[in-house]
Protein backbone atom coordinates (compact mmCIF):
# COMPACT_ATOMS: atom_id res chain seq x y z
CA UNK A 1 0.00 0.00 0.00
CA UNK A 2 1.39 3.40 -1.02
CA UNK A 3 2.26 5.94 1.71
CA UNK A 4 3.03 9.64 1.27
CA UNK A 5 5.91 11.41 2.95
CA UNK A 6 5.52 15.03 4.10
CA UNK A 7 8.55 17.16 4.63
CA UNK A 8 8.28 20.30 6.80
CA UNK A 9 10.20 23.47 6.15
CA UNK A 10 10.71 25.12 9.48
CA UNK A 11 11.89 28.67 10.05
CA UNK A 12 13.49 29.75 13.26
CA UNK A 13 13.55 33.38 14.54
CA UNK A 14 15.80 34.96 17.17
CA UNK A 15 13.28 37.42 18.56
CA UNK A 16 9.76 37.09 19.85
CA UNK A 17 7.05 36.09 17.43
CA UNK A 18 5.37 38.97 15.64
CA UNK A 19 1.82 39.86 16.40
CA UNK A 20 0.92 40.26 12.74
CA UNK A 21 0.72 37.08 10.74
CA UNK A 22 3.45 36.63 8.21
CA UNK A 23 2.51 36.86 4.54
CA UNK A 24 4.71 33.94 3.73
CA UNK A 25 3.11 31.08 1.77
CA UNK A 26 4.45 28.51 4.20
CA UNK A 27 1.67 26.81 6.27
CA UNK A 28 3.97 26.40 9.24
CA UNK A 29 4.48 28.88 12.08
CA UNK A 30 7.82 30.33 13.08
CA UNK A 31 9.15 28.68 16.14
CA UNK A 32 11.39 30.78 18.40
CA UNK A 33 14.78 29.40 18.88
CA UNK A 34 16.58 29.75 22.18
CA UNK A 35 20.20 30.61 22.55
CA UNK A 36 22.56 28.13 21.12
CA UNK A 37 25.06 27.05 23.69
CA UNK A 38 27.03 24.59 21.71
CA UNK A 39 27.71 23.68 18.10
CA UNK A 40 25.92 20.65 16.67
CA UNK A 41 27.65 17.30 16.76
CA UNK A 42 29.61 16.51 13.59
CA UNK A 43 28.10 12.91 13.59
CA UNK A 44 24.57 14.17 13.19
CA UNK A 45 23.23 16.50 10.52
CA UNK A 46 19.86 17.73 9.42
CA UNK A 47 18.81 17.77 5.78
CA UNK A 48 16.46 20.44 4.73
CA UNK A 49 14.49 20.75 1.55
CA UNK A 50 14.41 24.28 0.27
CA UNK A 51 13.25 23.70 -3.31
CA UNK A 52 9.56 22.60 -3.76
CA UNK A 53 10.35 21.25 -7.23
CA UNK A 54 12.90 18.80 -5.82
CA UNK A 55 10.39 17.81 -3.16
CA UNK A 56 7.72 17.19 -5.77
CA UNK A 57 10.11 15.22 -7.96
CA UNK A 58 11.19 13.11 -5.03
CA UNK A 59 7.54 12.54 -4.08
CA UNK A 60 6.65 11.55 -7.65
CA UNK A 61 9.66 9.26 -7.86
CA UNK A 62 8.71 7.70 -4.56
CA UNK A 63 5.10 7.32 -5.71
CA UNK A 64 6.31 5.82 -8.99
CA UNK A 65 8.49 3.35 -7.12
CA UNK A 66 5.60 2.52 -4.82
CA UNK A 67 3.30 2.12 -7.84
CA UNK A 68 5.82 -0.13 -9.55
CA UNK A 69 6.16 -2.15 -6.33
CA UNK A 70 2.37 -2.37 -6.01
CA UNK A 71 2.04 -3.42 -9.66
CA UNK A 72 4.83 -5.97 -9.23
CA UNK A 73 3.26 -7.24 -6.03
CA UNK A 74 -0.13 -7.33 -7.75
CA UNK A 75 1.31 -9.24 -10.69
CA UNK A 76 3.03 -11.66 -8.35
CA UNK A 77 -0.16 -11.99 -6.32
CA UNK A 78 -2.15 -12.56 -9.53
CA UNK A 79 0.32 -15.16 -10.74
CA UNK A 80 0.39 -16.86 -7.35
CA UNK A 81 -3.41 -16.73 -7.17
CA UNK A 82 -3.66 -18.07 -10.71
CA UNK A 83 -1.20 -20.83 -9.86
CA UNK A 84 -3.09 -21.60 -6.67
CA UNK A 85 -6.39 -21.64 -8.57
CA UNK A 86 -4.91 -23.95 -11.23
CA UNK A 87 -3.44 -26.15 -8.54
CA UNK A 88 -6.76 -26.13 -6.71
CA UNK A 89 -8.63 -27.09 -9.89
CA UNK A 90 -6.09 -29.79 -10.63
CA UNK A 91 -6.34 -31.00 -7.06
CA UNK A 92 -10.14 -31.01 -7.26
CA UNK A 93 -10.01 -32.86 -10.59
CA UNK A 94 -7.46 -35.35 -9.30
CA UNK A 95 -9.45 -35.80 -6.10
CA UNK A 96 -12.62 -36.43 -8.14
CA UNK A 97 -10.78 -38.88 -10.37
CA UNK A 98 -9.30 -40.64 -7.36
CA UNK A 99 -12.70 -40.71 -5.65
CA UNK A 100 -14.28 -42.18 -8.76
CA UNK A 101 -11.48 -44.72 -9.07
CA UNK A 102 -11.87 -45.56 -5.37
CA UNK A 103 -15.62 -46.01 -5.81
CA UNK A 104 -15.00 -48.18 -8.85
CA UNK A 105 -12.50 -50.28 -6.94
CA UNK A 106 -14.90 -50.53 -4.00
CA UNK A 107 -17.72 -51.66 -6.30
CA UNK A 108 -15.37 -54.10 -7.99
CA UNK A 109 -14.26 -55.42 -4.60
CA UNK A 110 -17.87 -55.83 -3.46
CA UNK A 111 -18.74 -57.58 -6.74
CA UNK A 112 -15.70 -59.83 -6.33
CA UNK A 113 -16.67 -60.65 -2.74
CA UNK A 114 -20.22 -61.43 -3.87
CA UNK A 115 -18.97 -63.68 -6.66
CA UNK A 116 -16.54 -65.31 -4.23
CA UNK A 117 -19.37 -65.97 -1.77
CA UNK A 118 -21.46 -67.49 -4.55
CA UNK A 119 -18.51 -69.59 -5.69
CA UNK A 120 -17.95 -70.80 -2.11
CA UNK A 121 -21.62 -71.73 -1.78
CA UNK A 122 -21.55 -73.55 -5.11
CA UNK A 123 -18.33 -75.31 -4.11
CA UNK A 124 -19.84 -76.43 -0.82
CA UNK A 125 -22.94 -77.69 -2.62
CA UNK A 126 -20.83 -79.58 -5.15
CA UNK A 127 -18.66 -81.00 -2.36
CA UNK A 128 -21.78 -82.17 -0.52
CA UNK A 129 -23.14 -83.75 -3.69
CA UNK A 130 -19.75 -85.34 -4.32
CA UNK A 131 -19.73 -86.86 -0.83
CA UNK A 132 -23.26 -88.19 -1.32
CA UNK A 133 -22.34 -89.56 -4.74
CA UNK A 134 -19.19 -91.12 -3.30
CA UNK A 135 -21.18 -92.79 -0.53
CA UNK A 136 -23.75 -94.07 -3.03
CA UNK A 137 -20.94 -95.30 -5.27
CA UNK A 138 -19.33 -97.13 -2.36
CA UNK A 139 -22.69 -98.68 -1.52
CA UNK A 140 -23.18 -99.71 -5.12
CA UNK A 141 -19.67 -101.13 -5.26
CA UNK A 142 -20.33 -103.10 -2.08
CA UNK A 143 -23.64 -104.31 -3.51
CA UNK A 144 -21.94 -105.17 -6.78
CA UNK A 145 -19.20 -107.09 -4.97
CA UNK A 146 -21.83 -108.92 -2.96
CA UNK A 147 -23.77 -109.75 -6.11
CA UNK A 148 -20.59 -110.83 -7.87
CA UNK A 149 -19.82 -113.08 -4.92
CA UNK A 150 -23.34 -114.48 -5.02
CA UNK A 151 -23.03 -114.90 -8.78
CA UNK A 152 -19.77 -116.79 -8.29
CA UNK A 153 -21.39 -119.09 -5.76
CA UNK A 154 -24.37 -119.50 -8.08
CA UNK A 155 -22.07 -120.32 -10.98
CA UNK A 156 -20.25 -122.87 -8.84
CA UNK A 157 -23.55 -124.39 -7.80
CA UNK A 158 -24.69 -124.33 -11.42
CA UNK A 159 -21.51 -126.14 -12.47
CA UNK A 160 -22.12 -128.75 -9.79
CA UNK A 161 -25.73 -129.02 -10.90
CA UNK A 162 -24.62 -129.36 -14.50
CA UNK A 163 -22.26 -132.17 -13.51
CA UNK A 164 -25.02 -133.82 -11.52
CA UNK A 165 -27.40 -133.30 -14.42
CA UNK A 166 -24.94 -134.96 -16.75
CA UNK A 167 -24.66 -137.88 -14.35
CA UNK A 168 -28.47 -138.06 -14.06
CA UNK A 169 -28.77 -137.71 -17.82
CA UNK A 170 -26.37 -140.63 -18.23
CA UNK A 171 -28.30 -142.65 -15.74
CA UNK A 172 -31.52 -141.68 -17.49
CA UNK A 173 -30.12 -142.77 -20.80
CA UNK A 174 -29.03 -146.07 -19.23
CA UNK A 175 -32.45 -146.47 -17.67
CA UNK A 176 -34.12 -145.78 -20.99
CA UNK A 177 -31.90 -148.39 -22.64
CA UNK A 178 -32.71 -150.84 -19.88
CA UNK A 179 -36.42 -150.15 -20.17
CA UNK A 180 -36.22 -150.58 -23.92
CA UNK A 181 -34.41 -153.89 -23.49
CA UNK A 182 -36.89 -154.97 -20.84
CA UNK A 183 -39.78 -154.17 -23.11
CA UNK A 184 -38.15 -156.15 -25.94
CA UNK A 185 -37.52 -159.04 -23.59
CA UNK A 186 -41.05 -158.99 -22.27
CA UNK A 187 -42.42 -159.02 -25.75
CA UNK A 188 -40.21 -162.00 -26.81
CA UNK A 189 -40.17 -163.96 -23.48
CA UNK A 190 -36.41 -164.51 -23.75
CA UNK A 191 -35.73 -164.44 -19.97
CA UNK A 192 -37.26 -166.31 -17.02
CA UNK A 193 -40.07 -164.76 -15.06
CA UNK A 194 -38.84 -161.90 -12.92
CA UNK A 195 -35.73 -161.38 -15.06
CA UNK A 196 -35.18 -158.57 -17.58
CA UNK A 197 -33.19 -158.45 -20.79
CA UNK A 198 -30.35 -155.97 -20.87
CA UNK A 199 -27.84 -155.97 -23.74
CA UNK A 200 -28.59 -159.54 -24.65
CA UNK A 201 -28.30 -160.60 -21.02
CA UNK A 202 -30.91 -161.44 -18.45
CA UNK A 203 -30.71 -159.48 -15.23
CA UNK A 204 -32.44 -160.01 -11.96
CA UNK A 205 -33.07 -156.89 -9.90
CA UNK A 206 -33.54 -157.69 -6.25
CA UNK A 207 -35.84 -155.50 -4.18
CA UNK A 208 -34.31 -156.52 -0.87
CA UNK A 209 -31.12 -155.12 0.64
CA UNK A 210 -28.39 -157.75 0.93
CA UNK A 211 -24.65 -157.71 1.43
CA UNK A 212 -22.28 -158.50 -1.40
CA UNK A 213 -21.64 -162.01 -0.14
CA UNK A 214 -25.34 -162.71 0.30
CA UNK A 215 -26.06 -161.39 -3.20
CA UNK A 216 -23.22 -163.49 -4.65
CA UNK A 217 -24.51 -166.59 -2.88
CA UNK A 218 -28.02 -165.92 -4.09
CA UNK A 219 -26.75 -165.56 -7.69
CA UNK A 220 -24.86 -168.88 -7.41
CA UNK A 221 -27.98 -170.57 -6.12
CA UNK A 222 -29.83 -169.41 -9.26
CA UNK A 223 -26.95 -170.47 -11.54
CA UNK A 224 -26.01 -166.83 -12.23
CA UNK A 225 -23.20 -164.44 -11.47
CA UNK A 226 -23.23 -161.23 -9.54
CA UNK A 227 -23.15 -158.21 -11.86
CA UNK A 228 -19.84 -156.30 -11.76
CA UNK A 229 -19.84 -152.81 -13.30
C-alpha atoms as a PDB file:
ATOM      1  CA  UNK A   1       0.000   0.000   0.000  1.00  0.00           C
ATOM      2  CA  UNK A   2       1.395   3.404  -1.024  1.00  0.00           C
ATOM      3  CA  UNK A   3       2.255   5.937   1.709  1.00  0.00           C
ATOM      4  CA  UNK A   4       3.026   9.643   1.269  1.00  0.00           C
ATOM      5  CA  UNK A   5       5.909  11.413   2.949  1.00  0.00           C
ATOM      6  CA  UNK A   6       5.522  15.026   4.099  1.00  0.00           C
ATOM      7  CA  UNK A   7       8.550  17.159   4.629  1.00  0.00           C
ATOM      8  CA  UNK A   8       8.280  20.298   6.799  1.00  0.00           C
ATOM      9  CA  UNK A   9      10.203  23.475   6.151  1.00  0.00           C
ATOM     10  CA  UNK A  10      10.710  25.124   9.481  1.00  0.00           C
ATOM     11  CA  UNK A  11      11.885  28.674  10.050  1.00  0.00           C
ATOM     12  CA  UNK A  12      13.490  29.750  13.256  1.00  0.00           C
ATOM     13  CA  UNK A  13      13.552  33.380  14.537  1.00  0.00           C
ATOM     14  CA  UNK A  14      15.804  34.962  17.170  1.00  0.00           C
ATOM     15  CA  UNK A  15      13.284  37.418  18.560  1.00  0.00           C
ATOM     16  CA  UNK A  16       9.765  37.087  19.847  1.00  0.00           C
ATOM     17  CA  UNK A  17       7.052  36.093  17.434  1.00  0.00           C
ATOM     18  CA  UNK A  18       5.374  38.974  15.636  1.00  0.00           C
ATOM     19  CA  UNK A  19       1.823  39.859  16.403  1.00  0.00           C
ATOM     20  CA  UNK A  20       0.916  40.260  12.742  1.00  0.00           C
ATOM     21  CA  UNK A  21       0.722  37.080  10.740  1.00  0.00           C
ATOM     22  CA  UNK A  22       3.446  36.626   8.207  1.00  0.00           C
ATOM     23  CA  UNK A  23       2.512  36.859   4.539  1.00  0.00           C
ATOM     24  CA  UNK A  24       4.712  33.935   3.726  1.00  0.00           C
ATOM     25  CA  UNK A  25       3.112  31.083   1.769  1.00  0.00           C
ATOM     26  CA  UNK A  26       4.451  28.513   4.203  1.00  0.00           C
ATOM     27  CA  UNK A  27       1.670  26.810   6.269  1.00  0.00           C
ATOM     28  CA  UNK A  28       3.974  26.398   9.242  1.00  0.00           C
ATOM     29  CA  UNK A  29       4.484  28.878  12.080  1.00  0.00           C
ATOM     30  CA  UNK A  30       7.817  30.333  13.081  1.00  0.00           C
ATOM     31  CA  UNK A  31       9.153  28.685  16.139  1.00  0.00           C
ATOM     32  CA  UNK A  32      11.393  30.780  18.405  1.00  0.00           C
ATOM     33  CA  UNK A  33      14.780  29.403  18.885  1.00  0.00           C
ATOM     34  CA  UNK A  34      16.577  29.751  22.176  1.00  0.00           C
ATOM     35  CA  UNK A  35      20.201  30.610  22.550  1.00  0.00           C
ATOM     36  CA  UNK A  36      22.560  28.133  21.124  1.00  0.00           C
ATOM     37  CA  UNK A  37      25.056  27.054  23.695  1.00  0.00           C
ATOM     38  CA  UNK A  38      27.027  24.592  21.706  1.00  0.00           C
ATOM     39  CA  UNK A  39      27.714  23.679  18.105  1.00  0.00           C
ATOM     40  CA  UNK A  40      25.922  20.647  16.674  1.00  0.00           C
ATOM     41  CA  UNK A  41      27.654  17.299  16.758  1.00  0.00           C
ATOM     42  CA  UNK A  42      29.613  16.513  13.589  1.00  0.00           C
ATOM     43  CA  UNK A  43      28.098  12.914  13.590  1.00  0.00           C
ATOM     44  CA  UNK A  44      24.565  14.170  13.188  1.00  0.00           C
ATOM     45  CA  UNK A  45      23.225  16.499  10.519  1.00  0.00           C
ATOM     46  CA  UNK A  46      19.863  17.728   9.419  1.00  0.00           C
ATOM     47  CA  UNK A  47      18.815  17.770   5.785  1.00  0.00           C
ATOM     48  CA  UNK A  48      16.457  20.436   4.734  1.00  0.00           C
ATOM     49  CA  UNK A  49      14.489  20.752   1.554  1.00  0.00           C
ATOM     50  CA  UNK A  50      14.406  24.277   0.274  1.00  0.00           C
ATOM     51  CA  UNK A  51      13.253  23.702  -3.313  1.00  0.00           C
ATOM     52  CA  UNK A  52       9.563  22.601  -3.758  1.00  0.00           C
ATOM     53  CA  UNK A  53      10.354  21.251  -7.229  1.00  0.00           C
ATOM     54  CA  UNK A  54      12.895  18.801  -5.823  1.00  0.00           C
ATOM     55  CA  UNK A  55      10.392  17.810  -3.157  1.00  0.00           C
ATOM     56  CA  UNK A  56       7.718  17.185  -5.774  1.00  0.00           C
ATOM     57  CA  UNK A  57      10.109  15.218  -7.963  1.00  0.00           C
ATOM     58  CA  UNK A  58      11.190  13.115  -5.033  1.00  0.00           C
ATOM     59  CA  UNK A  59       7.536  12.535  -4.085  1.00  0.00           C
ATOM     60  CA  UNK A  60       6.649  11.552  -7.646  1.00  0.00           C
ATOM     61  CA  UNK A  61       9.657   9.260  -7.856  1.00  0.00           C
ATOM     62  CA  UNK A  62       8.710   7.696  -4.559  1.00  0.00           C
ATOM     63  CA  UNK A  63       5.102   7.320  -5.705  1.00  0.00           C
ATOM     64  CA  UNK A  64       6.315   5.824  -8.986  1.00  0.00           C
ATOM     65  CA  UNK A  65       8.486   3.353  -7.121  1.00  0.00           C
ATOM     66  CA  UNK A  66       5.600   2.524  -4.824  1.00  0.00           C
ATOM     67  CA  UNK A  67       3.303   2.117  -7.839  1.00  0.00           C
ATOM     68  CA  UNK A  68       5.821  -0.134  -9.550  1.00  0.00           C
ATOM     69  CA  UNK A  69       6.160  -2.152  -6.328  1.00  0.00           C
ATOM     70  CA  UNK A  70       2.371  -2.371  -6.009  1.00  0.00           C
ATOM     71  CA  UNK A  71       2.044  -3.422  -9.657  1.00  0.00           C
ATOM     72  CA  UNK A  72       4.827  -5.971  -9.231  1.00  0.00           C
ATOM     73  CA  UNK A  73       3.262  -7.241  -6.030  1.00  0.00           C
ATOM     74  CA  UNK A  74      -0.129  -7.332  -7.747  1.00  0.00           C
ATOM     75  CA  UNK A  75       1.313  -9.237 -10.691  1.00  0.00           C
ATOM     76  CA  UNK A  76       3.028 -11.658  -8.348  1.00  0.00           C
ATOM     77  CA  UNK A  77      -0.161 -11.989  -6.322  1.00  0.00           C
ATOM     78  CA  UNK A  78      -2.148 -12.564  -9.526  1.00  0.00           C
ATOM     79  CA  UNK A  79       0.321 -15.159 -10.740  1.00  0.00           C
ATOM     80  CA  UNK A  80       0.395 -16.857  -7.350  1.00  0.00           C
ATOM     81  CA  UNK A  81      -3.409 -16.727  -7.170  1.00  0.00           C
ATOM     82  CA  UNK A  82      -3.661 -18.070 -10.706  1.00  0.00           C
ATOM     83  CA  UNK A  83      -1.199 -20.829  -9.860  1.00  0.00           C
ATOM     84  CA  UNK A  84      -3.092 -21.597  -6.670  1.00  0.00           C
ATOM     85  CA  UNK A  85      -6.390 -21.643  -8.568  1.00  0.00           C
ATOM     86  CA  UNK A  86      -4.914 -23.953 -11.232  1.00  0.00           C
ATOM     87  CA  UNK A  87      -3.436 -26.153  -8.541  1.00  0.00           C
ATOM     88  CA  UNK A  88      -6.764 -26.132  -6.707  1.00  0.00           C
ATOM     89  CA  UNK A  89      -8.634 -27.087  -9.887  1.00  0.00           C
ATOM     90  CA  UNK A  90      -6.090 -29.794 -10.632  1.00  0.00           C
ATOM     91  CA  UNK A  91      -6.337 -30.999  -7.059  1.00  0.00           C
ATOM     92  CA  UNK A  92     -10.137 -31.014  -7.262  1.00  0.00           C
ATOM     93  CA  UNK A  93     -10.014 -32.856 -10.594  1.00  0.00           C
ATOM     94  CA  UNK A  94      -7.461 -35.350  -9.301  1.00  0.00           C
ATOM     95  CA  UNK A  95      -9.454 -35.797  -6.098  1.00  0.00           C
ATOM     96  CA  UNK A  96     -12.618 -36.432  -8.143  1.00  0.00           C
ATOM     97  CA  UNK A  97     -10.784 -38.876 -10.365  1.00  0.00           C
ATOM     98  CA  UNK A  98      -9.296 -40.643  -7.356  1.00  0.00           C
ATOM     99  CA  UNK A  99     -12.700 -40.706  -5.653  1.00  0.00           C
ATOM    100  CA  UNK A 100     -14.282 -42.181  -8.765  1.00  0.00           C
ATOM    101  CA  UNK A 101     -11.477 -44.723  -9.075  1.00  0.00           C
ATOM    102  CA  UNK A 102     -11.872 -45.556  -5.369  1.00  0.00           C
ATOM    103  CA  UNK A 103     -15.617 -46.006  -5.810  1.00  0.00           C
ATOM    104  CA  UNK A 104     -15.004 -48.181  -8.855  1.00  0.00           C
ATOM    105  CA  UNK A 105     -12.497 -50.276  -6.938  1.00  0.00           C
ATOM    106  CA  UNK A 106     -14.901 -50.527  -4.000  1.00  0.00           C
ATOM    107  CA  UNK A 107     -17.720 -51.656  -6.300  1.00  0.00           C
ATOM    108  CA  UNK A 108     -15.367 -54.103  -7.994  1.00  0.00           C
ATOM    109  CA  UNK A 109     -14.258 -55.419  -4.596  1.00  0.00           C
ATOM    110  CA  UNK A 110     -17.871 -55.828  -3.461  1.00  0.00           C
ATOM    111  CA  UNK A 111     -18.736 -57.578  -6.737  1.00  0.00           C
ATOM    112  CA  UNK A 112     -15.697 -59.827  -6.334  1.00  0.00           C
ATOM    113  CA  UNK A 113     -16.670 -60.647  -2.743  1.00  0.00           C
ATOM    114  CA  UNK A 114     -20.221 -61.434  -3.870  1.00  0.00           C
ATOM    115  CA  UNK A 115     -18.971 -63.682  -6.659  1.00  0.00           C
ATOM    116  CA  UNK A 116     -16.537 -65.306  -4.229  1.00  0.00           C
ATOM    117  CA  UNK A 117     -19.372 -65.972  -1.772  1.00  0.00           C
ATOM    118  CA  UNK A 118     -21.462 -67.488  -4.552  1.00  0.00           C
ATOM    119  CA  UNK A 119     -18.511 -69.593  -5.692  1.00  0.00           C
ATOM    120  CA  UNK A 120     -17.947 -70.805  -2.114  1.00  0.00           C
ATOM    121  CA  UNK A 121     -21.622 -71.732  -1.783  1.00  0.00           C
ATOM    122  CA  UNK A 122     -21.549 -73.546  -5.111  1.00  0.00           C
ATOM    123  CA  UNK A 123     -18.328 -75.312  -4.110  1.00  0.00           C
ATOM    124  CA  UNK A 124     -19.843 -76.427  -0.816  1.00  0.00           C
ATOM    125  CA  UNK A 125     -22.939 -77.688  -2.623  1.00  0.00           C
ATOM    126  CA  UNK A 126     -20.829 -79.575  -5.151  1.00  0.00           C
ATOM    127  CA  UNK A 127     -18.663 -80.996  -2.363  1.00  0.00           C
ATOM    128  CA  UNK A 128     -21.778 -82.170  -0.518  1.00  0.00           C
ATOM    129  CA  UNK A 129     -23.139 -83.745  -3.693  1.00  0.00           C
ATOM    130  CA  UNK A 130     -19.748 -85.340  -4.320  1.00  0.00           C
ATOM    131  CA  UNK A 131     -19.726 -86.857  -0.827  1.00  0.00           C
ATOM    132  CA  UNK A 132     -23.258 -88.187  -1.317  1.00  0.00           C
ATOM    133  CA  UNK A 133     -22.337 -89.558  -4.738  1.00  0.00           C
ATOM    134  CA  UNK A 134     -19.188 -91.117  -3.298  1.00  0.00           C
ATOM    135  CA  UNK A 135     -21.184 -92.789  -0.535  1.00  0.00           C
ATOM    136  CA  UNK A 136     -23.747 -94.067  -3.032  1.00  0.00           C
ATOM    137  CA  UNK A 137     -20.942 -95.297  -5.265  1.00  0.00           C
ATOM    138  CA  UNK A 138     -19.334 -97.131  -2.358  1.00  0.00           C
ATOM    139  CA  UNK A 139     -22.692 -98.684  -1.520  1.00  0.00           C
ATOM    140  CA  UNK A 140     -23.183 -99.714  -5.121  1.00  0.00           C
ATOM    141  CA  UNK A 141     -19.673-101.126  -5.262  1.00  0.00           C
ATOM    142  CA  UNK A 142     -20.332-103.098  -2.081  1.00  0.00           C
ATOM    143  CA  UNK A 143     -23.639-104.312  -3.508  1.00  0.00           C
ATOM    144  CA  UNK A 144     -21.939-105.168  -6.778  1.00  0.00           C
ATOM    145  CA  UNK A 145     -19.204-107.091  -4.973  1.00  0.00           C
ATOM    146  CA  UNK A 146     -21.828-108.922  -2.956  1.00  0.00           C
ATOM    147  CA  UNK A 147     -23.767-109.751  -6.111  1.00  0.00           C
ATOM    148  CA  UNK A 148     -20.594-110.827  -7.870  1.00  0.00           C
ATOM    149  CA  UNK A 149     -19.821-113.080  -4.917  1.00  0.00           C
ATOM    150  CA  UNK A 150     -23.341-114.484  -5.023  1.00  0.00           C
ATOM    151  CA  UNK A 151     -23.034-114.902  -8.776  1.00  0.00           C
ATOM    152  CA  UNK A 152     -19.768-116.787  -8.287  1.00  0.00           C
ATOM    153  CA  UNK A 153     -21.394-119.092  -5.765  1.00  0.00           C
ATOM    154  CA  UNK A 154     -24.371-119.495  -8.085  1.00  0.00           C
ATOM    155  CA  UNK A 155     -22.067-120.323 -10.984  1.00  0.00           C
ATOM    156  CA  UNK A 156     -20.252-122.870  -8.835  1.00  0.00           C
ATOM    157  CA  UNK A 157     -23.553-124.385  -7.799  1.00  0.00           C
ATOM    158  CA  UNK A 158     -24.686-124.333 -11.420  1.00  0.00           C
ATOM    159  CA  UNK A 159     -21.514-126.135 -12.466  1.00  0.00           C
ATOM    160  CA  UNK A 160     -22.116-128.745  -9.787  1.00  0.00           C
ATOM    161  CA  UNK A 161     -25.732-129.023 -10.904  1.00  0.00           C
ATOM    162  CA  UNK A 162     -24.615-129.365 -14.501  1.00  0.00           C
ATOM    163  CA  UNK A 163     -22.262-132.166 -13.509  1.00  0.00           C
ATOM    164  CA  UNK A 164     -25.019-133.820 -11.520  1.00  0.00           C
ATOM    165  CA  UNK A 165     -27.403-133.303 -14.424  1.00  0.00           C
ATOM    166  CA  UNK A 166     -24.940-134.959 -16.745  1.00  0.00           C
ATOM    167  CA  UNK A 167     -24.664-137.880 -14.349  1.00  0.00           C
ATOM    168  CA  UNK A 168     -28.468-138.058 -14.061  1.00  0.00           C
ATOM    169  CA  UNK A 169     -28.772-137.714 -17.820  1.00  0.00           C
ATOM    170  CA  UNK A 170     -26.366-140.632 -18.234  1.00  0.00           C
ATOM    171  CA  UNK A 171     -28.298-142.648 -15.737  1.00  0.00           C
ATOM    172  CA  UNK A 172     -31.520-141.676 -17.485  1.00  0.00           C
ATOM    173  CA  UNK A 173     -30.119-142.766 -20.804  1.00  0.00           C
ATOM    174  CA  UNK A 174     -29.032-146.069 -19.230  1.00  0.00           C
ATOM    175  CA  UNK A 175     -32.445-146.473 -17.669  1.00  0.00           C
ATOM    176  CA  UNK A 176     -34.122-145.776 -20.987  1.00  0.00           C
ATOM    177  CA  UNK A 177     -31.896-148.387 -22.641  1.00  0.00           C
ATOM    178  CA  UNK A 178     -32.710-150.837 -19.882  1.00  0.00           C
ATOM    179  CA  UNK A 179     -36.416-150.153 -20.174  1.00  0.00           C
ATOM    180  CA  UNK A 180     -36.222-150.585 -23.920  1.00  0.00           C
ATOM    181  CA  UNK A 181     -34.415-153.893 -23.486  1.00  0.00           C
ATOM    182  CA  UNK A 182     -36.886-154.970 -20.840  1.00  0.00           C
ATOM    183  CA  UNK A 183     -39.784-154.172 -23.108  1.00  0.00           C
ATOM    184  CA  UNK A 184     -38.154-156.152 -25.936  1.00  0.00           C
ATOM    185  CA  UNK A 185     -37.521-159.040 -23.586  1.00  0.00           C
ATOM    186  CA  UNK A 186     -41.053-158.988 -22.265  1.00  0.00           C
ATOM    187  CA  UNK A 187     -42.423-159.019 -25.751  1.00  0.00           C
ATOM    188  CA  UNK A 188     -40.207-161.999 -26.815  1.00  0.00           C
ATOM    189  CA  UNK A 189     -40.169-163.956 -23.481  1.00  0.00           C
ATOM    190  CA  UNK A 190     -36.412-164.506 -23.753  1.00  0.00           C
ATOM    191  CA  UNK A 191     -35.732-164.436 -19.974  1.00  0.00           C
ATOM    192  CA  UNK A 192     -37.257-166.307 -17.017  1.00  0.00           C
ATOM    193  CA  UNK A 193     -40.069-164.763 -15.060  1.00  0.00           C
ATOM    194  CA  UNK A 194     -38.836-161.902 -12.921  1.00  0.00           C
ATOM    195  CA  UNK A 195     -35.735-161.384 -15.061  1.00  0.00           C
ATOM    196  CA  UNK A 196     -35.179-158.570 -17.584  1.00  0.00           C
ATOM    197  CA  UNK A 197     -33.190-158.451 -20.787  1.00  0.00           C
ATOM    198  CA  UNK A 198     -30.351-155.970 -20.867  1.00  0.00           C
ATOM    199  CA  UNK A 199     -27.838-155.966 -23.736  1.00  0.00           C
ATOM    200  CA  UNK A 200     -28.587-159.536 -24.647  1.00  0.00           C
ATOM    201  CA  UNK A 201     -28.303-160.595 -21.019  1.00  0.00           C
ATOM    202  CA  UNK A 202     -30.906-161.440 -18.448  1.00  0.00           C
ATOM    203  CA  UNK A 203     -30.715-159.479 -15.235  1.00  0.00           C
ATOM    204  CA  UNK A 204     -32.441-160.011 -11.963  1.00  0.00           C
ATOM    205  CA  UNK A 205     -33.071-156.887  -9.900  1.00  0.00           C
ATOM    206  CA  UNK A 206     -33.536-157.690  -6.248  1.00  0.00           C
ATOM    207  CA  UNK A 207     -35.840-155.504  -4.184  1.00  0.00           C
ATOM    208  CA  UNK A 208     -34.307-156.521  -0.868  1.00  0.00           C
ATOM    209  CA  UNK A 209     -31.123-155.118   0.637  1.00  0.00           C
ATOM    210  CA  UNK A 210     -28.388-157.750   0.933  1.00  0.00           C
ATOM    211  CA  UNK A 211     -24.650-157.712   1.434  1.00  0.00           C
ATOM    212  CA  UNK A 212     -22.277-158.500  -1.398  1.00  0.00           C
ATOM    213  CA  UNK A 213     -21.641-162.006  -0.144  1.00  0.00           C
ATOM    214  CA  UNK A 214     -25.336-162.715   0.305  1.00  0.00           C
ATOM    215  CA  UNK A 215     -26.055-161.386  -3.195  1.00  0.00           C
ATOM    216  CA  UNK A 216     -23.217-163.494  -4.652  1.00  0.00           C
ATOM    217  CA  UNK A 217     -24.513-166.593  -2.881  1.00  0.00           C
ATOM    218  CA  UNK A 218     -28.022-165.921  -4.094  1.00  0.00           C
ATOM    219  CA  UNK A 219     -26.750-165.563  -7.686  1.00  0.00           C
ATOM    220  CA  UNK A 220     -24.863-168.880  -7.412  1.00  0.00           C
ATOM    221  CA  UNK A 221     -27.978-170.568  -6.117  1.00  0.00           C
ATOM    222  CA  UNK A 222     -29.833-169.409  -9.255  1.00  0.00           C
ATOM    223  CA  UNK A 223     -26.946-170.472 -11.545  1.00  0.00           C
ATOM    224  CA  UNK A 224     -26.013-166.834 -12.227  1.00  0.00           C
ATOM    225  CA  UNK A 225     -23.197-164.443 -11.472  1.00  0.00           C
ATOM    226  CA  UNK A 226     -23.231-161.233  -9.544  1.00  0.00           C
ATOM    227  CA  UNK A 227     -23.153-158.213 -11.862  1.00  0.00           C
ATOM    228  CA  UNK A 228     -19.844-156.304 -11.763  1.00  0.00           C
ATOM    229  CA  UNK A 229     -19.840-152.814 -13.298  1.00  0.00           C
END
